[in-house]
Amino acid sequence: MTDLTELTAQVTAALERSVRPSVIARGGAVRAVGVREGILTLEVTGSPGAVFPLAARIEALICAAVPEISAVRLAPPSASAPGSLPAAAADLAGAAREVLDAEVNPAIAAHRGHVSVDGAAEGWIRIRLHGGCQGCSLAEVTIRQGIEPLLQARLPGIIGITDVTDHAAGTDPFFSAGKR
């Protein structure tokens, strides 16, 4: 049986070699925080688009590189870490709502747009785009390069944003796919 120090070294090497470059290129960060009964827990920070779409690939790579690992669990930063999340999701949702109303909505109003908070859970803020932003071909850019970094700067410790907008239902997007 492999001891914990050797197992940690193997996992870290696999992360460095196969996972971290892809995650960093997408605006995120990932680090191993523990192994229990063959399940590796990875702490995920930064853009949710950096890690969660790669979750199955990450698990396959780690499990292939380190046979003692049978599964990979992705987790938000530790609640006890400095700059961690507010205790209640309602507090996080409310804080995000305040930032959006004060700093984002006035800017996107010029594009007939509005963003609202749909909820928050485990460090993730769910947002919904309205008006000219719903169905806009540049909505993802607005979220990943504008809204998400701003919220992460104002609310340290959040993992990221999930867009729950039904973009296909947008009737008057500011930039249609044809304008892009």
Protein backbone atom coordinates (compact mmCIF):
# COMPACT_ATOMS: atom_id res chain seq x y z
CA MET A 1 0.00 0.00 0.00
CA THR A 2 1.17 3.53 -0.83
CA ASP A 3 1.63 5.90 2.10
CA LEU A 4 -0.22 9.25 2.17
CA THR A 5 2.89 11.34 1.43
CA GLU A 6 3.71 9.31 -1.68
CA LEU A 7 0.07 9.36 -2.77
CA THR A 8 -0.07 13.14 -2.37
CA ALA A 9 3.11 13.51 -4.42
CA GLN A 10 1.65 11.32 -7.19
CA VAL A 11 -1.59 13.31 -7.26
CA THR A 12 0.27 16.63 -7.29
CA ALA A 13 2.48 15.44 -10.15
CA ALA A 14 -0.58 14.31 -12.15
CA LEU A 15 -2.28 17.66 -11.52
CA GLU A 16 0.81 19.59 -12.63
CA ARG A 17 1.32 17.50 -15.72
CA SER A 18 -2.22 16.95 -16.99
CA VAL A 19 -4.76 19.20 -15.32
CA ARG A 20 -3.43 22.50 -14.02
CA PRO A 21 -2.37 23.98 -17.40
CA SER A 22 -5.88 23.54 -18.84
CA VAL A 23 -7.54 24.93 -15.74
CA ILE A 24 -5.23 27.95 -15.48
CA ALA A 25 -5.70 28.73 -19.18
CA ARG A 26 -9.45 28.88 -18.50
CA GLY A 27 -9.15 31.21 -15.48
CA GLY A 28 -9.31 28.79 -12.57
CA ALA A 29 -7.24 26.99 -10.01
CA VAL A 30 -7.35 23.53 -8.50
CA ARG A 31 -5.40 21.89 -5.71
CA ALA A 32 -5.53 18.58 -3.88
CA VAL A 33 -6.77 18.92 -0.32
CA GLY A 34 -7.14 15.31 0.76
CA VAL A 35 -7.75 11.66 0.03
CA ARG A 36 -10.16 9.51 1.99
CA GLU A 37 -11.07 5.92 1.11
CA GLY A 38 -9.73 6.37 -2.42
CA ILE A 39 -11.68 9.58 -3.07
CA LEU A 40 -9.56 12.62 -3.90
CA THR A 41 -10.95 16.03 -2.96
CA LEU A 42 -9.84 18.90 -5.16
CA GLU A 43 -10.39 22.49 -4.04
CA VAL A 44 -11.67 24.58 -6.95
CA THR A 45 -11.36 28.36 -7.19
CA GLY A 46 -11.72 30.87 -9.99
CA SER A 47 -14.04 30.56 -12.95
CA PRO A 48 -16.50 27.65 -12.83
CA GLY A 49 -16.00 27.27 -16.55
CA ALA A 50 -12.38 26.43 -15.83
CA VAL A 51 -12.95 23.19 -13.97
CA PHE A 52 -16.48 21.83 -13.99
CA PRO A 53 -16.69 21.20 -17.75
CA LEU A 54 -13.43 19.24 -17.38
CA ALA A 55 -14.56 17.24 -14.31
CA ALA A 56 -14.88 13.88 -16.08
CA ARG A 57 -11.56 14.36 -17.87
CA ILE A 58 -9.82 15.37 -14.65
CA GLU A 59 -11.16 12.30 -12.85
CA ALA A 60 -10.07 9.99 -15.69
CA LEU A 61 -6.57 11.49 -15.80
CA ILE A 62 -6.05 11.34 -12.03
CA CYS A 63 -7.44 7.80 -11.72
CA ALA A 64 -5.22 6.60 -14.57
CA ALA A 65 -2.12 8.27 -13.12
CA VAL A 66 -2.76 7.23 -9.51
CA PRO A 67 -4.44 3.80 -9.32
CA GLU A 68 -5.17 4.21 -5.60
CA ILE A 69 -7.64 7.01 -6.48
CA SER A 70 -11.08 5.67 -7.43
CA ALA A 71 -12.98 8.95 -7.67
CA VAL A 72 -12.46 12.71 -7.64
CA ARG A 73 -14.68 15.17 -5.76
CA LEU A 74 -14.61 18.90 -6.59
CA ALA A 75 -15.19 21.23 -3.64
CA PRO A 76 -15.32 24.96 -2.90
CA PRO A 77 -12.63 26.60 -0.77
CA SER A 78 -12.74 25.62 2.89
CA ALA A 79 -15.26 27.61 4.90
CA SER A 80 -12.57 28.16 7.53
CA ALA A 81 -10.16 29.75 5.06
CA PRO A 82 -9.47 33.49 5.25
CA GLY A 83 -11.77 35.41 2.93
CA SER A 84 -14.26 32.57 2.91
CA LEU A 85 -17.92 32.72 2.12
CA PRO A 86 -20.65 34.16 4.30
CA ALA A 87 -22.29 31.46 6.40
CA ALA A 88 -25.68 31.62 4.70
CA ALA A 89 -26.40 31.39 1.00
CA ALA A 90 -28.95 34.18 1.47
CA ASP A 91 -26.13 36.46 2.64
CA LEU A 92 -24.06 35.60 -0.44
CA ALA A 93 -27.01 36.08 -2.80
CA GLY A 94 -27.87 39.41 -1.16
CA ALA A 95 -24.30 40.65 -1.34
CA ALA A 96 -24.07 39.63 -5.00
CA ARG A 97 -27.39 41.37 -5.72
CA GLU A 98 -26.06 44.60 -4.19
CA VAL A 99 -22.89 44.52 -6.32
CA LEU A 100 -24.84 43.74 -9.49
CA ASP A 101 -27.38 46.51 -8.87
CA ALA A 102 -24.70 49.10 -8.06
CA GLU A 103 -21.97 48.23 -10.56
CA VAL A 104 -23.17 45.93 -13.33
CA ASN A 105 -26.78 46.79 -14.13
CA PRO A 106 -26.10 50.50 -14.79
CA ALA A 107 -23.42 49.49 -17.33
CA ILE A 108 -25.42 46.85 -19.20
CA ALA A 109 -28.56 49.02 -19.24
CA ALA A 110 -27.02 50.71 -22.28
CA HIS A 111 -27.52 47.38 -24.08
CA ARG A 112 -31.12 47.08 -22.82
CA GLY A 113 -29.87 44.43 -20.40
CA HIS A 114 -30.27 43.52 -16.76
CA VAL A 115 -28.82 40.75 -14.59
CA SER A 116 -30.48 39.30 -11.50
CA VAL A 117 -29.44 36.82 -8.83
CA ASP A 118 -31.39 33.58 -9.03
CA GLY A 119 -29.81 32.14 -5.86
CA ALA A 120 -26.60 30.99 -4.24
CA ALA A 121 -25.35 27.69 -2.87
CA GLU A 122 -21.97 26.35 -1.77
CA GLY A 123 -20.07 29.36 -3.12
CA TRP A 124 -21.83 29.45 -6.48
CA ILE A 125 -23.98 32.40 -7.50
CA ARG A 126 -26.72 31.65 -10.01
CA ILE A 127 -27.51 34.58 -12.30
CA ARG A 128 -30.16 35.21 -14.93
CA LEU A 129 -29.75 37.66 -17.81
CA HIS A 130 -32.71 39.67 -19.08
CA GLY A 131 -33.54 42.05 -21.93
CA GLY A 132 -30.82 42.59 -24.50
CA CYS A 133 -28.48 40.22 -22.62
CA GLN A 134 -30.83 37.22 -22.94
CA GLY A 135 -29.69 35.40 -26.07
CA CYS A 136 -26.88 37.86 -26.78
CA SER A 137 -23.99 36.19 -28.58
CA LEU A 138 -21.55 37.97 -26.24
CA ALA A 139 -23.33 37.04 -22.99
CA GLU A 140 -20.69 34.46 -22.04
CA VAL A 141 -17.93 37.04 -22.55
CA THR A 142 -19.80 39.55 -20.39
CA ILE A 143 -20.19 36.95 -17.65
CA ARG A 144 -16.68 35.45 -17.68
CA GLN A 145 -14.67 38.62 -18.33
CA GLY A 146 -16.87 41.18 -16.61
CA ILE A 147 -19.41 40.01 -14.06
CA GLU A 148 -17.57 36.99 -12.62
CA PRO A 149 -14.21 38.74 -11.97
CA LEU A 150 -16.02 41.72 -10.44
CA LEU A 151 -18.02 39.54 -8.05
CA GLN A 152 -14.93 37.54 -7.13
CA ALA A 153 -13.08 40.77 -6.34
CA ARG A 154 -15.96 42.14 -4.25
CA LEU A 155 -16.93 38.86 -2.57
CA PRO A 156 -13.67 37.01 -1.86
CA GLY A 157 -13.98 33.28 -1.62
CA ILE A 158 -16.82 32.71 -4.09
CA ILE A 159 -16.17 29.87 -6.48
CA GLY A 160 -17.94 31.37 -9.45
CA ILE A 161 -21.09 32.06 -11.38
CA THR A 162 -23.58 29.77 -13.04
CA ASP A 163 -25.69 31.30 -15.80
CA VAL A 164 -29.24 29.87 -15.60
CA THR A 165 -30.65 32.05 -18.39
CA ASP A 166 -32.74 30.44 -21.13
CA HIS A 167 -30.84 32.17 -23.92
CA ALA A 168 -32.87 30.46 -26.64
CA ALA A 169 -35.96 32.31 -25.37
CA GLY A 170 -34.34 35.73 -25.86
CA THR A 171 -36.49 37.78 -28.23
CA ASP A 172 -34.32 40.87 -28.76
CA PRO A 173 -30.64 40.16 -28.05
CA PHE A 174 -28.29 43.14 -28.28
CA PHE A 175 -25.84 41.13 -30.40
CA SER A 176 -27.49 38.34 -32.33
CA ALA A 177 -25.31 35.52 -33.59
CA GLY A 178 -25.34 37.19 -37.02
CA LYS A 179 -23.89 40.47 -35.68
CA ARG A 180 -20.84 38.81 -34.16
